Amino acid sequence: MKYKKWTLDQKLEILSSSEDIGIVEACRKYGVSTGTFYSWKKKHESQGEAGLKVTYDTKSKEHKQAEEENRILRKLLSNKEIELEVQRELLKKKFGTSDPRKI
């Protein structure tokens, strides 16, 4: 099940409309569970609008892209290190040394 992500304006609209038409009707109208509504209401009463701000998407798009690029580069580096280690082992078997300068 995919969860809906509510913006600050939507949350404030739902809270204000609940005062006019009632909590149950507002929850039905907007498709919000009453548990979620009361959680928002509690946060709004204690912290104000700051309590309702979205906190689940804190990473920017550029940050996510940089992390993905970093992951790819680390994978390439580890593959290259494995290749070099294999080459050293082959040299060791063939010439008895792993230092290519001694060949």
N, C-alpha and C. Protein backbone atom coordinates (compact mmCIF):
# COMPACT_ATOMS: atom_id res chain seq x y z
N MET A 1 0.83 -1.17 0.00
CA MET A 1 0.00 0.00 0.00
C MET A 1 0.88 1.24 0.00
N LYS A 2 0.60 2.15 -0.90
CA LYS A 2 1.37 3.38 -0.98
C LYS A 2 0.72 4.45 -0.12
N TYR A 3 1.53 5.09 0.70
CA TYR A 3 1.02 6.11 1.59
C TYR A 3 1.01 7.46 0.89
N LYS A 4 -0.01 8.25 1.17
CA LYS A 4 -0.10 9.59 0.60
C LYS A 4 0.77 10.53 1.43
N LYS A 5 1.44 11.41 0.75
CA LYS A 5 2.28 12.39 1.41
C LYS A 5 1.53 13.72 1.37
N TRP A 6 1.27 14.25 2.52
CA TRP A 6 0.50 15.48 2.65
C TRP A 6 1.44 16.66 2.80
N THR A 7 1.12 17.75 2.12
CA THR A 7 1.90 18.98 2.28
C THR A 7 1.41 19.73 3.50
N LEU A 8 2.17 20.72 3.90
CA LEU A 8 1.81 21.53 5.06
C LEU A 8 0.48 22.24 4.82
N ASP A 9 0.28 22.79 3.63
CA ASP A 9 -0.97 23.50 3.32
C ASP A 9 -2.18 22.57 3.38
N GLN A 10 -2.01 21.35 2.87
CA GLN A 10 -3.12 20.39 2.91
C GLN A 10 -3.47 20.03 4.35
N LYS A 11 -2.45 19.83 5.17
CA LYS A 11 -2.71 19.48 6.57
C LYS A 11 -3.44 20.62 7.28
N LEU A 12 -3.01 21.85 7.03
CA LEU A 12 -3.66 22.99 7.66
C LEU A 12 -5.10 23.14 7.18
N GLU A 13 -5.33 22.88 5.89
CA GLU A 13 -6.69 22.95 5.34
C GLU A 13 -7.60 21.91 6.00
N ILE A 14 -7.09 20.72 6.17
CA ILE A 14 -7.89 19.65 6.79
C ILE A 14 -8.20 20.00 8.24
N LEU A 15 -7.20 20.51 8.96
CA LEU A 15 -7.42 20.89 10.35
C LEU A 15 -8.45 22.02 10.47
N SER A 16 -8.38 23.00 9.57
CA SER A 16 -9.32 24.12 9.66
C SER A 16 -10.72 23.71 9.23
N SER A 17 -10.81 22.83 8.22
CA SER A 17 -12.15 22.41 7.78
C SER A 17 -12.81 21.50 8.82
N SER A 18 -12.01 20.84 9.64
CA SER A 18 -12.61 19.98 10.68
C SER A 18 -13.37 20.81 11.71
N GLU A 19 -12.95 22.06 11.89
CA GLU A 19 -13.66 22.94 12.81
C GLU A 19 -15.03 23.31 12.27
N ASP A 20 -15.14 23.39 10.95
CA ASP A 20 -16.41 23.78 10.32
C ASP A 20 -17.38 22.61 10.17
N ILE A 21 -16.88 21.51 9.61
CA ILE A 21 -17.79 20.40 9.28
C ILE A 21 -17.67 19.22 10.23
N GLY A 22 -16.73 19.27 11.14
CA GLY A 22 -16.56 18.16 12.08
C GLY A 22 -15.38 17.28 11.69
N ILE A 23 -14.83 16.61 12.67
CA ILE A 23 -13.63 15.81 12.46
C ILE A 23 -13.89 14.61 11.56
N VAL A 24 -14.96 13.88 11.85
CA VAL A 24 -15.24 12.66 11.09
C VAL A 24 -15.52 12.99 9.63
N GLU A 25 -16.30 14.02 9.38
CA GLU A 25 -16.63 14.40 8.00
C GLU A 25 -15.40 14.90 7.25
N ALA A 26 -14.55 15.66 7.93
CA ALA A 26 -13.33 16.16 7.29
C ALA A 26 -12.40 14.99 6.93
N CYS A 27 -12.31 14.02 7.83
CA CYS A 27 -11.47 12.86 7.55
C CYS A 27 -12.01 12.06 6.38
N ARG A 28 -13.30 11.92 6.30
CA ARG A 28 -13.91 11.20 5.16
C ARG A 28 -13.71 11.97 3.86
N LYS A 29 -13.92 13.28 3.93
CA LYS A 29 -13.82 14.12 2.73
C LYS A 29 -12.42 14.06 2.12
N TYR A 30 -11.39 14.11 2.97
CA TYR A 30 -10.01 14.15 2.47
C TYR A 30 -9.33 12.79 2.46
N GLY A 31 -9.97 11.76 3.01
CA GLY A 31 -9.38 10.43 3.00
C GLY A 31 -8.24 10.26 3.99
N VAL A 32 -8.40 10.86 5.16
CA VAL A 32 -7.38 10.78 6.21
C VAL A 32 -7.94 9.94 7.34
N SER A 33 -7.12 9.09 7.92
CA SER A 33 -7.60 8.33 9.06
C SER A 33 -7.70 9.25 10.28
N THR A 34 -8.57 8.89 11.19
CA THR A 34 -8.75 9.73 12.37
C THR A 34 -7.50 9.72 13.25
N GLY A 35 -6.78 8.61 13.26
CA GLY A 35 -5.54 8.55 14.02
C GLY A 35 -4.52 9.55 13.50
N THR A 36 -4.40 9.62 12.17
CA THR A 36 -3.49 10.57 11.56
C THR A 36 -3.94 11.99 11.85
N PHE A 37 -5.24 12.23 11.75
CA PHE A 37 -5.77 13.56 12.02
C PHE A 37 -5.44 14.00 13.44
N TYR A 38 -5.69 13.15 14.42
CA TYR A 38 -5.43 13.52 15.80
C TYR A 38 -3.93 13.70 16.06
N SER A 39 -3.12 12.95 15.36
CA SER A 39 -1.67 13.12 15.48
C SER A 39 -1.26 14.51 14.98
N TRP A 40 -1.81 14.90 13.82
CA TRP A 40 -1.54 16.23 13.28
C TRP A 40 -2.03 17.31 14.23
N LYS A 41 -3.23 17.10 14.77
CA LYS A 41 -3.83 18.10 15.66
C LYS A 41 -2.97 18.29 16.91
N LYS A 42 -2.50 17.20 17.46
CA LYS A 42 -1.67 17.26 18.67
C LYS A 42 -0.36 18.00 18.37
N LYS A 43 0.28 17.68 17.24
CA LYS A 43 1.52 18.35 16.86
C LYS A 43 1.28 19.83 16.60
N HIS A 44 0.15 20.17 15.96
CA HIS A 44 -0.16 21.55 15.65
C HIS A 44 -0.42 22.36 16.92
N GLU A 45 -1.08 21.75 17.88
CA GLU A 45 -1.35 22.45 19.14
C GLU A 45 -0.08 22.66 19.96
N SER A 46 0.83 21.70 19.93
CA SER A 46 2.03 21.81 20.76
C SER A 46 3.15 22.62 20.09
N GLN A 47 3.34 22.45 18.77
CA GLN A 47 4.47 23.08 18.10
C GLN A 47 4.08 24.11 17.05
N GLY A 48 2.81 24.21 16.74
CA GLY A 48 2.38 25.12 15.69
C GLY A 48 2.62 24.52 14.32
N GLU A 49 2.81 25.39 13.33
CA GLU A 49 3.01 24.91 11.96
C GLU A 49 4.31 24.13 11.81
N ALA A 50 5.29 24.40 12.64
CA ALA A 50 6.57 23.69 12.56
C ALA A 50 6.40 22.20 12.83
N GLY A 51 5.42 21.85 13.64
CA GLY A 51 5.17 20.45 13.93
C GLY A 51 4.57 19.68 12.77
N LEU A 52 3.98 20.40 11.82
CA LEU A 52 3.33 19.75 10.68
C LEU A 52 4.21 19.71 9.43
N LYS A 53 5.39 20.31 9.49
CA LYS A 53 6.24 20.35 8.31
C LYS A 53 6.70 18.96 7.92
N VAL A 54 6.92 18.79 6.63
CA VAL A 54 7.35 17.51 6.07
C VAL A 54 8.79 17.25 6.47
N THR A 55 9.05 16.08 7.05
CA THR A 55 10.41 15.73 7.47
C THR A 55 10.93 14.46 6.83
N TYR A 56 10.14 13.79 6.01
CA TYR A 56 10.56 12.50 5.48
C TYR A 56 11.45 12.61 4.27
N ASP A 57 11.47 13.72 3.55
CA ASP A 57 12.29 13.85 2.36
C ASP A 57 13.32 14.95 2.59
N THR A 58 14.32 14.66 3.40
CA THR A 58 15.30 15.68 3.76
C THR A 58 16.45 15.76 2.76
N LYS A 59 16.66 14.75 1.94
CA LYS A 59 17.76 14.77 0.98
C LYS A 59 17.29 15.42 -0.33
N SER A 60 18.13 16.28 -0.86
CA SER A 60 17.80 16.93 -2.12
C SER A 60 18.09 15.96 -3.28
N LYS A 61 17.60 16.34 -4.44
CA LYS A 61 17.80 15.51 -5.62
C LYS A 61 19.29 15.41 -5.96
N GLU A 62 20.00 16.52 -5.82
CA GLU A 62 21.43 16.53 -6.12
C GLU A 62 22.19 15.64 -5.14
N HIS A 63 21.77 15.64 -3.88
CA HIS A 63 22.41 14.81 -2.87
C HIS A 63 22.21 13.34 -3.19
N LYS A 64 21.01 12.97 -3.60
CA LYS A 64 20.74 11.58 -3.96
C LYS A 64 21.56 11.15 -5.17
N GLN A 65 21.68 12.05 -6.17
CA GLN A 65 22.47 11.74 -7.35
C GLN A 65 23.94 11.57 -6.99
N ALA A 66 24.44 12.42 -6.11
CA ALA A 66 25.84 12.31 -5.70
C ALA A 66 26.09 11.00 -4.95
N GLU A 67 25.14 10.59 -4.11
CA GLU A 67 25.29 9.31 -3.41
C GLU A 67 25.31 8.14 -4.38
N GLU A 68 24.44 8.19 -5.39
CA GLU A 68 24.39 7.12 -6.39
C GLU A 68 25.70 7.07 -7.19
N GLU A 69 26.20 8.23 -7.58
CA GLU A 69 27.46 8.29 -8.32
C GLU A 69 28.61 7.77 -7.45
N ASN A 70 28.60 8.12 -6.19
CA ASN A 70 29.61 7.66 -5.25
C ASN A 70 29.57 6.14 -5.11
N ARG A 71 28.37 5.57 -5.05
CA ARG A 71 28.22 4.11 -4.95
C ARG A 71 28.80 3.43 -6.18
N ILE A 72 28.52 3.98 -7.36
CA ILE A 72 29.02 3.40 -8.60
C ILE A 72 30.54 3.48 -8.66
N LEU A 73 31.09 4.63 -8.27
CA LEU A 73 32.55 4.78 -8.30
C LEU A 73 33.24 3.84 -7.31
N ARG A 74 32.66 3.64 -6.15
CA ARG A 74 33.23 2.69 -5.19
C ARG A 74 33.23 1.28 -5.75
N LYS A 75 32.16 0.92 -6.45
CA LYS A 75 32.07 -0.41 -7.04
C LYS A 75 33.15 -0.58 -8.11
N LEU A 76 33.32 0.44 -8.95
CA LEU A 76 34.35 0.38 -9.99
C LEU A 76 35.75 0.27 -9.38
N LEU A 77 35.98 1.02 -8.32
CA LEU A 77 37.28 0.98 -7.65
C LEU A 77 37.55 -0.40 -7.05
N SER A 78 36.55 -0.98 -6.43
CA SER A 78 36.76 -2.30 -5.84
C SER A 78 37.01 -3.35 -6.92
N ASN A 79 36.31 -3.23 -8.06
CA ASN A 79 36.56 -4.17 -9.17
C ASN A 79 37.98 -4.02 -9.70
N LYS A 80 38.46 -2.78 -9.80
CA LYS A 80 39.81 -2.54 -10.29
C LYS A 80 40.85 -3.10 -9.32
N GLU A 81 40.60 -2.96 -8.02
CA GLU A 81 41.51 -3.50 -7.02
C GLU A 81 41.57 -5.03 -7.10
N ILE A 82 40.43 -5.65 -7.36
CA ILE A 82 40.40 -7.12 -7.51
C ILE A 82 41.21 -7.54 -8.73
N GLU A 83 41.05 -6.80 -9.85
CA GLU A 83 41.81 -7.12 -11.05
C GLU A 83 43.31 -7.01 -10.81
N LEU A 84 43.72 -5.96 -10.11
CA LEU A 84 45.14 -5.78 -9.81
C LEU A 84 45.67 -6.90 -8.93
N GLU A 85 44.89 -7.31 -7.96
CA GLU A 85 45.32 -8.40 -7.08
C GLU A 85 45.48 -9.70 -7.87
N VAL A 86 44.57 -9.97 -8.79
CA VAL A 86 44.67 -11.16 -9.63
C VAL A 86 45.92 -11.09 -10.49
N GLN A 87 46.21 -9.92 -11.04
CA GLN A 87 47.41 -9.77 -11.85
C GLN A 87 48.67 -10.00 -11.02
N ARG A 88 48.70 -9.50 -9.80
CA ARG A 88 49.85 -9.71 -8.92
C ARG A 88 50.04 -11.20 -8.62
N GLU A 89 48.94 -11.89 -8.36
CA GLU A 89 49.02 -13.33 -8.09
C GLU A 89 49.54 -14.09 -9.30
N LEU A 90 49.10 -13.71 -10.50
CA LEU A 90 49.59 -14.36 -11.72
C LEU A 90 51.08 -14.10 -11.93
N LEU A 91 51.50 -12.87 -11.66
CA LEU A 91 52.93 -12.56 -11.78
C LEU A 91 53.75 -13.35 -10.77
N LYS A 92 53.21 -13.48 -9.58
CA LYS A 92 53.90 -14.21 -8.53
C LYS A 92 54.09 -15.67 -8.95
N LYS A 93 53.07 -16.26 -9.56
CA LYS A 93 53.15 -17.66 -9.99
C LYS A 93 54.10 -17.81 -11.18
N LYS A 94 54.07 -16.82 -12.10
CA LYS A 94 54.85 -16.94 -13.32
C LYS A 94 56.34 -16.64 -13.08
N PHE A 95 56.62 -15.56 -12.33
CA PHE A 95 58.00 -15.13 -12.17
C PHE A 95 58.53 -15.27 -10.75
N GLY A 96 57.70 -15.64 -9.84
CA GLY A 96 58.15 -15.82 -8.46
C GLY A 96 58.20 -14.52 -7.67
N THR A 97 57.74 -13.44 -8.24
CA THR A 97 57.70 -12.15 -7.54
C THR A 97 56.45 -11.39 -7.94
N SER A 98 55.98 -10.55 -7.04
CA SER A 98 54.79 -9.77 -7.36
C SER A 98 55.15 -8.36 -7.76
N ASP A 99 56.44 -8.01 -7.67
CA ASP A 99 56.89 -6.66 -8.03
C ASP A 99 57.28 -6.66 -9.51
N PRO A 100 56.53 -5.96 -10.36
CA PRO A 100 56.84 -5.99 -11.80
C PRO A 100 58.17 -5.34 -12.13
N ARG A 101 58.76 -4.53 -11.24
CA ARG A 101 60.04 -3.88 -11.51
C ARG A 101 61.20 -4.86 -11.44
N LYS A 102 61.00 -5.98 -10.76
CA LYS A 102 62.07 -6.98 -10.59
C LYS A 102 62.11 -7.97 -11.74
N ILE A 103 61.23 -7.83 -12.69
CA ILE A 103 61.17 -8.77 -13.79
C ILE A 103 62.21 -8.46 -14.84
